[in-house]
Protein backbone atom coordinates (compact mmCIF):
# COMPACT_ATOMS: atom_id res chain seq x y z
CA MET A 1 104.35 109.62 91.31
CA SER A 2 102.17 106.53 90.94
CA ILE A 3 100.79 104.73 93.95
CA ILE A 4 103.18 101.83 93.23
CA ASP A 5 106.13 104.20 93.25
CA ALA A 6 104.83 105.75 96.46
CA ALA A 7 104.71 102.32 98.09
CA ALA A 8 108.28 101.58 97.05
CA ALA A 9 109.46 104.99 98.27
CA ALA A 10 107.72 104.57 101.61
CA ALA A 11 109.37 101.17 101.98
CA ARG A 12 112.76 102.85 102.10
CA ALA A 13 111.99 104.44 105.46
CA THR A 14 114.88 103.91 107.89
CA ASP A 15 114.79 102.49 111.38
CA ASP A 16 115.49 106.00 112.70
CA GLN A 17 111.99 107.01 111.61
CA ILE A 18 110.43 104.29 113.76
CA LYS A 19 110.32 104.85 117.53
CA ASP A 20 110.22 101.20 118.55
CA ARG A 21 109.21 97.89 117.08
CA ILE A 22 108.55 94.41 118.30
CA ARG A 23 111.34 92.31 116.84
CA LEU A 24 111.60 88.55 116.52
CA ASP A 25 115.34 87.84 116.54
CA SER A 26 115.19 84.03 116.36
CA ILE A 27 112.71 81.20 116.59
CA ALA A 28 112.98 77.44 117.09
CA ILE A 29 110.05 75.16 116.26
CA ARG A 30 109.80 71.43 116.97
CA ASP A 31 107.03 69.12 115.72
CA PHE A 32 104.41 71.83 115.20
CA ARG A 33 102.01 70.72 112.46
CA ASN A 34 104.31 69.68 109.57
CA LEU A 35 107.30 71.69 110.89
CA GLU A 36 109.61 69.03 112.27
CA ARG A 37 112.62 71.19 113.00
CA VAL A 38 112.97 74.90 112.26
CA ASP A 39 115.78 77.11 113.56
CA LEU A 40 115.89 80.63 112.18
CA GLU A 41 117.58 83.91 112.88
CA LEU A 42 115.69 86.84 111.41
CA PRO A 43 116.96 90.28 110.40
CA PRO A 44 115.37 93.36 112.01
CA GLU A 45 113.22 94.22 109.00
CA GLY A 46 111.91 90.69 108.58
CA ALA A 47 111.86 88.13 105.78
CA VAL A 48 109.83 86.56 102.99
CA VAL A 49 109.17 82.81 103.01
CA VAL A 50 108.48 81.44 99.53
CA GLY A 51 106.97 78.01 98.90
CA ASP A 52 104.17 76.13 97.19
CA ASN A 53 100.83 75.82 98.92
CA GLY A 54 100.61 72.93 101.36
CA HIS A 55 104.28 73.00 102.38
CA GLY A 56 103.85 74.81 105.71
CA LYS A 57 103.94 78.58 105.10
CA THR A 58 100.80 79.30 107.10
CA ASN A 59 101.89 76.78 109.76
CA PHE A 60 105.06 78.82 110.24
CA LEU A 61 103.09 82.03 110.81
CA GLU A 62 100.70 80.18 113.11
CA ALA A 63 103.64 79.00 115.22
CA ILE A 64 104.81 82.61 115.63
CA TYR A 65 101.30 83.83 116.44
CA TYR A 66 100.91 81.02 118.97
CA LEU A 67 103.43 82.87 121.14
CA GLN A 68 100.97 85.74 121.45
CA ILE A 69 97.73 83.93 122.30
CA MET A 70 99.08 80.53 123.46
CA ARG A 71 96.64 78.67 121.25
CA SER A 72 95.93 78.14 117.57
CA ILE A 73 94.74 81.15 115.62
CA ARG A 74 92.72 78.63 113.60
CA ASP A 75 91.01 77.23 116.72
CA ALA A 76 92.68 73.82 116.41
CA ARG A 77 93.23 71.74 119.54
CA ASP A 78 96.80 71.53 120.81
CA GLN A 79 96.92 67.78 120.21
CA ASP A 80 95.99 68.43 116.58
CA LEU A 81 98.84 70.91 116.23
CA THR A 82 101.36 68.23 117.18
CA ARG A 83 103.13 66.59 114.26
CA PHE A 84 101.90 63.08 113.59
CA ASP A 85 103.34 60.34 115.79
CA THR A 86 105.27 62.70 118.10
CA ALA A 87 104.92 63.35 121.83
CA GLY A 88 104.23 67.07 121.60
CA PHE A 89 105.44 70.35 120.14
CA HIS A 90 107.74 73.12 121.30
CA ILE A 91 108.15 76.74 120.17
CA SER A 92 110.76 79.10 121.56
CA ALA A 93 111.88 82.56 120.52
CA GLN A 94 114.20 85.36 121.36
CA ALA A 95 112.47 88.66 120.78
CA HIS A 96 112.74 92.35 121.49
CA THR A 97 109.52 93.25 123.34
CA PRO A 98 108.55 95.66 126.13
CA LYS A 99 107.89 92.67 128.43
CA GLY A 100 111.08 90.66 128.01
CA ARG A 101 113.16 88.66 125.60
CA ASP A 102 112.89 84.86 125.86
CA ILE A 103 109.54 83.16 125.24
CA SER A 104 108.85 79.44 124.98
CA VAL A 105 105.87 77.12 125.07
CA GLY A 106 105.76 73.35 125.04
CA PHE A 107 102.82 70.96 124.81
CA ASP A 108 102.89 67.36 126.05
CA ARG A 109 100.34 65.35 124.07
CA ASN A 110 100.17 62.44 126.54
CA ALA A 111 99.75 64.58 129.64
CA LYS A 112 97.71 67.20 127.73
CA ARG A 113 99.73 69.82 129.55
CA LYS A 114 101.17 73.07 128.34
CA LYS A 115 104.20 74.80 129.86
CA VAL A 116 105.12 78.42 129.19
CA LEU A 117 108.39 80.10 130.12
CA HIS A 118 109.04 83.83 129.94
CA ASP A 119 112.62 84.95 130.52
CA GLY A 120 113.30 81.62 132.23
CA THR A 121 110.34 81.83 134.63
CA GLU A 122 107.41 79.46 134.32
CA ILE A 123 104.08 81.20 133.89
CA ARG A 124 101.49 79.29 135.88
CA ARG A 125 98.39 80.93 134.39
CA LEU A 126 98.20 80.99 130.61
CA SER A 127 96.28 84.25 130.76
CA ASP A 128 99.40 85.91 132.19
CA ALA A 129 101.30 84.94 129.03
CA LEU A 130 98.86 86.49 126.58
CA GLY A 131 100.32 89.25 124.47
CA VAL A 132 104.00 88.73 125.29
CA LEU A 133 104.78 88.83 121.54
CA PRO A 134 102.44 91.46 120.05
CA CYS A 135 101.70 90.62 116.42
CA VAL A 136 98.97 90.96 113.82
CA MET A 137 98.25 88.48 111.04
CA PHE A 138 96.78 89.53 107.68
CA SER A 139 95.47 86.84 105.33
CA PRO A 140 92.85 86.31 102.60
CA ARG A 141 90.73 84.50 105.21
CA ASP A 142 90.17 87.86 106.90
CA LEU A 143 87.29 88.31 104.48
CA GLU A 144 85.24 86.24 106.94
CA LEU A 145 85.49 89.11 109.43
CA VAL A 146 83.08 90.98 107.16
CA SER A 147 81.22 88.31 105.20
CA GLY A 148 81.02 85.69 107.95
CA SER A 149 78.74 85.19 110.92
CA PRO A 150 78.59 87.49 113.98
CA THR A 151 80.74 84.91 115.79
CA GLU A 152 83.72 85.96 113.64
CA ARG A 153 83.35 89.62 114.58
CA ARG A 154 82.77 88.92 118.28
CA ARG A 155 85.90 86.77 118.29
CA TYR A 156 87.82 89.64 116.69
CA LEU A 157 86.62 92.10 119.35
CA ASP A 158 87.34 89.67 122.18
CA LEU A 159 90.88 88.98 120.95
CA VAL A 160 91.84 92.63 120.41
CA LEU A 161 90.48 93.71 123.79
CA ALA A 162 91.64 90.69 125.80
CA LEU A 163 95.21 91.25 124.58
CA THR A 164 95.22 94.90 125.60
CA ASP A 165 92.91 95.13 128.63
CA ARG A 166 93.38 92.86 131.65
CA LYS A 167 90.02 93.88 133.07
CA TYR A 168 88.36 92.80 129.84
CA LEU A 169 90.22 89.49 129.83
CA HIS A 170 89.13 88.78 133.40
CA ALA A 171 85.52 89.63 132.59
CA LEU A 172 85.57 87.54 129.41
CA GLN A 173 86.88 84.47 131.22
CA ASN A 174 84.28 84.79 133.97
CA TYR A 175 81.44 85.52 131.58
CA ARG A 176 82.19 82.47 129.47
CA ALA A 177 82.50 80.23 132.52
CA ASN A 178 79.18 81.38 133.98
CA LEU A 179 77.47 81.21 130.59
CA ALA A 180 78.56 77.59 130.24
CA ARG A 181 77.15 76.82 133.69
CA ARG A 182 73.83 78.53 132.99
CA ASN A 183 73.49 76.71 129.67
CA ALA A 184 74.26 73.40 131.41
CA ALA A 185 71.54 74.17 133.95
CA LEU A 186 69.14 74.95 131.10
CA ARG A 187 69.89 71.62 129.43
CA ASN A 188 69.40 69.78 132.73
CA ALA A 189 66.09 71.56 133.19
CA ALA A 190 64.95 70.44 129.75
CA ARG A 191 65.62 66.83 130.74
CA ARG A 192 64.19 66.85 134.28
CA GLY A 193 61.40 69.39 134.38
CA SER A 194 61.88 69.90 138.14
CA ALA A 195 60.26 72.79 140.03
CA ASP A 196 63.72 73.80 141.25
CA ASP A 197 65.12 74.13 137.73
CA GLU A 198 64.43 77.84 137.34
CA GLN A 199 66.39 78.70 140.47
CA GLN A 200 69.29 76.52 139.30
CA VAL A 201 69.38 78.69 136.18
CA ALA A 202 68.85 82.04 137.89
CA VAL A 203 71.76 81.58 140.30
CA TRP A 204 74.27 82.29 137.48
CA GLU A 205 72.61 85.45 136.24
CA PRO A 206 74.09 88.07 138.64
CA ALA A 207 77.63 87.06 137.63
CA LEU A 208 76.67 87.08 133.96
CA ALA A 209 75.22 90.56 134.31
CA GLU A 210 78.27 91.86 136.20
CA HIS A 211 80.89 90.54 133.80
CA GLY A 212 78.74 90.97 130.71
CA SER A 213 78.32 94.68 131.42
CA VAL A 214 82.12 95.07 131.46
CA LEU A 215 82.38 93.39 128.05
CA ILE A 216 79.65 95.53 126.51
CA GLU A 217 81.08 98.78 127.87
CA ALA A 218 84.62 98.01 126.65
CA ARG A 219 83.45 96.88 123.22
CA ALA A 220 81.23 99.92 122.74
CA ARG A 221 84.01 102.28 123.82
CA TRP A 222 86.60 100.68 121.52
CA VAL A 223 84.26 100.76 118.53
CA ARG A 224 83.31 104.37 119.25
CA ASP A 225 86.96 105.42 119.55
CA SER A 226 87.89 103.51 116.37
CA ALA A 227 85.03 104.62 114.13
CA ALA A 228 86.77 107.62 112.57
CA ASP A 229 89.94 105.66 111.84
CA PHE A 230 87.92 102.83 110.28
CA SER A 231 86.17 105.27 107.94
CA ALA A 232 89.44 106.97 107.00
CA VAL A 233 91.20 103.69 106.17
CA VAL A 234 88.33 102.38 104.05
CA GLN A 235 88.26 105.67 102.16
CA ARG A 236 92.02 105.54 101.56
CA MET A 237 91.60 102.02 100.23
CA GLY A 238 89.66 103.68 97.40
CA GLU A 239 86.12 102.85 98.44
CA LYS A 240 83.62 105.56 97.55
CA GLY A 241 80.94 106.45 100.05
CA LYS A 242 80.77 106.82 103.81
CA SER A 243 81.82 103.78 105.78
CA HIS A 244 80.88 103.20 109.39
CA ILE A 245 81.46 100.70 112.19
CA ARG A 246 78.92 100.20 114.99
CA TYR A 247 78.63 97.87 117.96
CA VAL A 248 75.19 96.29 117.88
CA SER A 249 73.89 95.48 121.36
CA PRO A 250 70.55 96.25 123.01
CA PHE A 251 72.52 97.29 126.11
CA ALA A 252 75.24 99.44 124.53
CA ASN A 253 73.60 102.78 125.35
CA SER A 254 72.22 101.89 128.76
CA GLU A 255 73.76 103.66 131.76
CA ALA A 256 72.56 101.10 134.31
CA ARG A 257 73.90 98.36 132.11
CA ARG A 258 74.32 95.69 134.78
CA ASP A 259 70.78 96.06 136.10
CA VAL A 260 69.26 96.15 132.63
CA LEU A 261 71.20 93.06 131.62
CA LEU A 262 70.14 91.23 134.79
CA ALA A 263 66.50 92.08 134.06
CA ALA A 264 66.91 90.79 130.50
CA PHE A 265 68.18 87.42 131.74
CA GLU A 266 65.14 87.16 133.99
CA GLU A 267 62.78 88.19 131.20
CA LYS A 268 64.17 85.61 128.78
CA ARG A 269 64.46 82.82 131.34
CA ALA A 270 61.22 81.09 130.35
CA LEU A 271 62.23 81.07 126.68
CA ASP A 272 65.72 79.86 127.60
CA LEU A 273 64.27 77.03 129.65
CA ARG A 274 62.16 75.87 126.70
CA ARG A 275 65.03 76.01 124.23
CA GLY A 276 67.94 75.05 126.46
CA MET A 277 70.21 78.04 125.70
CA THR A 278 70.82 81.66 126.72
CA HIS A 279 69.30 84.05 124.18
CA VAL A 280 70.50 87.40 125.50
CA GLY A 281 73.87 88.86 126.44
CA PRO A 282 77.13 90.02 124.84
CA HIS A 283 77.65 86.56 123.34
CA ARG A 284 74.78 87.44 120.99
CA ASP A 285 75.98 90.91 119.92
CA ASP A 286 77.52 91.92 116.60
CA LEU A 287 79.83 94.41 114.93
CA GLU A 288 78.03 96.16 112.07
CA LEU A 289 80.09 97.39 109.10
CA THR A 290 78.34 99.60 106.57
CA LEU A 291 79.10 101.58 103.42
CA ASP A 292 76.63 104.35 102.63
CA GLY A 293 74.28 102.78 105.16
CA ARG A 294 74.28 99.36 103.48
CA ASP A 295 75.45 96.33 105.45
CA LEU A 296 78.72 95.20 103.89
CA ARG A 297 78.11 91.61 104.95
CA LEU A 298 74.94 91.45 102.82
CA PHE A 299 75.45 94.03 100.10
CA GLY A 300 79.18 94.71 99.83
CA SER A 301 81.22 93.59 96.86
CA ALA A 302 84.19 91.29 97.45
CA GLY A 303 86.53 94.26 97.05
CA GLN A 304 84.60 96.39 99.50
CA GLN A 305 84.51 93.56 102.03
CA ARG A 306 88.26 93.06 101.73
CA SER A 307 88.87 96.78 102.27
CA ALA A 308 86.79 96.68 105.46
CA ALA A 309 88.60 93.55 106.68
CA ILE A 310 91.99 95.19 106.12
CA ALA A 311 90.77 98.25 107.99
CA LEU A 312 89.88 96.03 110.97
CA ARG A 313 93.37 94.52 110.98
CA LEU A 314 94.94 97.97 110.85
CA LEU A 315 92.79 99.00 113.83
CA GLU A 316 94.00 95.88 115.63
CA ALA A 317 97.61 96.81 114.91
CA ALA A 318 97.05 100.35 116.18
CA THR A 319 95.43 99.06 119.39
CA LEU A 320 98.36 96.71 120.07
CA ARG A 321 100.82 99.52 119.35
CA ASP A 322 99.08 101.92 121.73
CA HIS A 323 99.03 99.26 124.44
CA SER A 324 102.63 98.04 124.13
CA GLY A 325 104.28 101.25 123.01
CA ALA A 326 105.84 99.51 119.99
CA GLU A 327 104.87 98.52 116.47
CA PRO A 328 103.61 94.91 116.54
CA LEU A 329 105.15 92.19 114.43
CA LEU A 330 103.36 91.92 111.06
CA LEU A 331 102.57 88.41 109.81
CA LEU A 332 101.40 88.54 106.21
CA ASP A 333 99.90 85.29 104.90
CA ASP A 334 99.86 86.06 101.17
CA PRO A 335 97.47 88.92 101.98
CA PHE A 336 97.58 90.46 98.52
CA ALA A 337 96.65 87.27 96.66
CA GLU A 338 93.07 88.32 96.00
CA LEU A 339 93.59 92.10 95.91
CA ASP A 340 94.02 94.26 92.85
CA ILE A 341 97.39 95.97 92.54
CA ARG A 342 96.10 99.40 93.57
CA ARG A 343 94.54 98.15 96.81
CA ALA A 344 97.70 96.21 97.63
CA ALA A 345 99.85 99.29 97.06
CA ARG A 346 97.58 101.45 99.22
CA ILE A 347 97.89 98.97 102.08
CA LEU A 348 101.67 99.17 101.90
CA VAL A 349 101.61 102.96 101.86
CA MET A 350 99.41 103.05 104.95
CA LEU A 351 101.56 100.51 106.78
CA GLU A 352 104.74 102.43 105.97
CA GLU A 353 103.28 105.77 106.97
CA ARG A 354 102.49 104.49 110.44
CA GLY A 355 105.91 102.85 110.76
CA LEU A 356 106.09 99.35 109.33
CA GLY A 357 107.00 96.83 112.00
CA GLN A 358 109.19 93.78 111.43
CA THR A 359 107.41 91.87 108.67
CA ILE A 360 107.20 88.14 107.98
CA LEU A 361 105.58 87.60 104.59
CA VAL A 362 104.75 84.20 103.09
CA VAL A 363 103.92 83.79 99.40
CA PRO A 364 103.78 80.86 96.94
CA ARG A 365 106.05 82.47 94.34
CA GLU A 366 108.78 85.09 94.30
CA ALA A 367 106.73 87.04 91.76
CA ASP A 368 104.01 87.45 94.41
CA ILE A 369 106.20 89.68 96.60
CA PRO A 370 104.79 93.22 96.32
CA PRO A 371 107.19 96.01 95.26
CA GLY A 372 107.18 97.61 98.69
CA LEU A 373 108.51 94.43 100.32
CA MET A 374 111.06 93.36 97.74
CA ARG A 375 113.86 94.54 100.05
CA LEU A 376 113.17 91.76 102.57
CA ASP A 377 115.53 88.78 102.72
CA ARG A 378 114.08 85.52 101.44
CA LEU A 379 113.73 81.95 102.58
CA GLN A 380 112.44 78.83 100.85
CA ILE A 381 110.05 76.33 102.47
CA THR A 382 109.63 72.78 101.16
CA SER A 383 107.71 70.05 103.02
CA GLY A 384 108.05 71.88 106.32
CA THR A 385 111.78 72.56 105.94
CA ILE A 386 112.90 76.18 105.73
CA LYS A 387 116.21 76.94 104.04
CA PRO A 388 118.00 80.11 102.94
CA TRP A 389 117.09 81.44 99.53
CA VAL A 390 120.09 81.57 97.20
CA PRO A 391 119.15 83.61 94.10
CA ARG A 392 121.66 83.70 91.25
CA GLY A 393 124.51 82.44 93.39
CA VAL A 394 124.27 85.18 96.01
CA ALA A 395 125.00 83.93 99.53
CA PRO A 396 122.01 84.25 101.91
CA THR A 397 121.99 86.81 104.69
CA ILE A 398 119.72 84.69 106.89
CA THR A 399 121.25 81.71 108.61
CA GLN A 400 119.59 78.59 109.88
CA GLY A 401 121.60 77.37 112.83
CA ALA A 402 121.44 75.77 116.22
CA HIS A 403 119.00 77.22 118.69
CA PRO A 404 118.85 76.10 122.29
């Protein structure tokens, strides 16, 4: 049996073979990017949205993903997500999740205020809403996880861990807040040159050391626990050689991590005062990805880098599954566009073997749907409007109707 045939065979797995899955039953979107009005009911296995580039396919996936992190996956400001000349946007969904069913978020552009409801109850702190709709997005842009700057990989680690570890989320919020205050004090010192400037900087360092040590410990543990799976996935993608993932931090192997980190802030304080920024801490660390000891960011081919990026997304999906007890929703933004057919088929086989969750795939053409996902019902998107797909006169099985 060829690998393509294996992918198609694996795709025929029944729901009885899957213990539990996150399921998006329906979604309503108002004035989000170019999506003026979308009301969809989705079947349990998912759907394919077909449409030319620039018509809103990625915007649709971003709206779904927004319900997990309550902000743009592309780091856009909420006011920039609002459709032109409208007062705000609103996204609501009915979903099958371990934490509830009804999720909605609305943003008022004039008041610059966001309101989140979960099962009819307003969530006062946005951090309490994180992760209510567990999902993972795959896209060609994931290549930046490997080829991009350390910022991309730190952001990946922070997102995966913040969604699955409340202690990590708390530490991350506090670390970032105290880092911003220390950097502000450093900039003030550069302007004033006062004798009291050093103390104004040092006052933030104990909190940075306390919360930073939590971040470093959690990152190092997650990377250590995930290393074998990362290597196995890259190998199954067809890459020859030994792959490895390593958390790069001068404090990762220190037992007295808090004290060592505090001493490092003190040691670098003079340099920081001269340059107006904090040069040490978990905000400077990296995630190293190698193949046969060679840094994939510098020496990996495009294919090798894509294999490593896919492996990271699969690790993310596994982490969300372990945390929630259910397969996360899979959002596939034309992820096979720049992959050869064998790599694409291997991805599908691996996804099916672990129990493919409800899948929302967007592609520019019907011919771009991979064999393993041909069974999914289809929709058509044109200029932000999503309608049922009607091939060869067959009535659609997905309806677009009123949603409260």
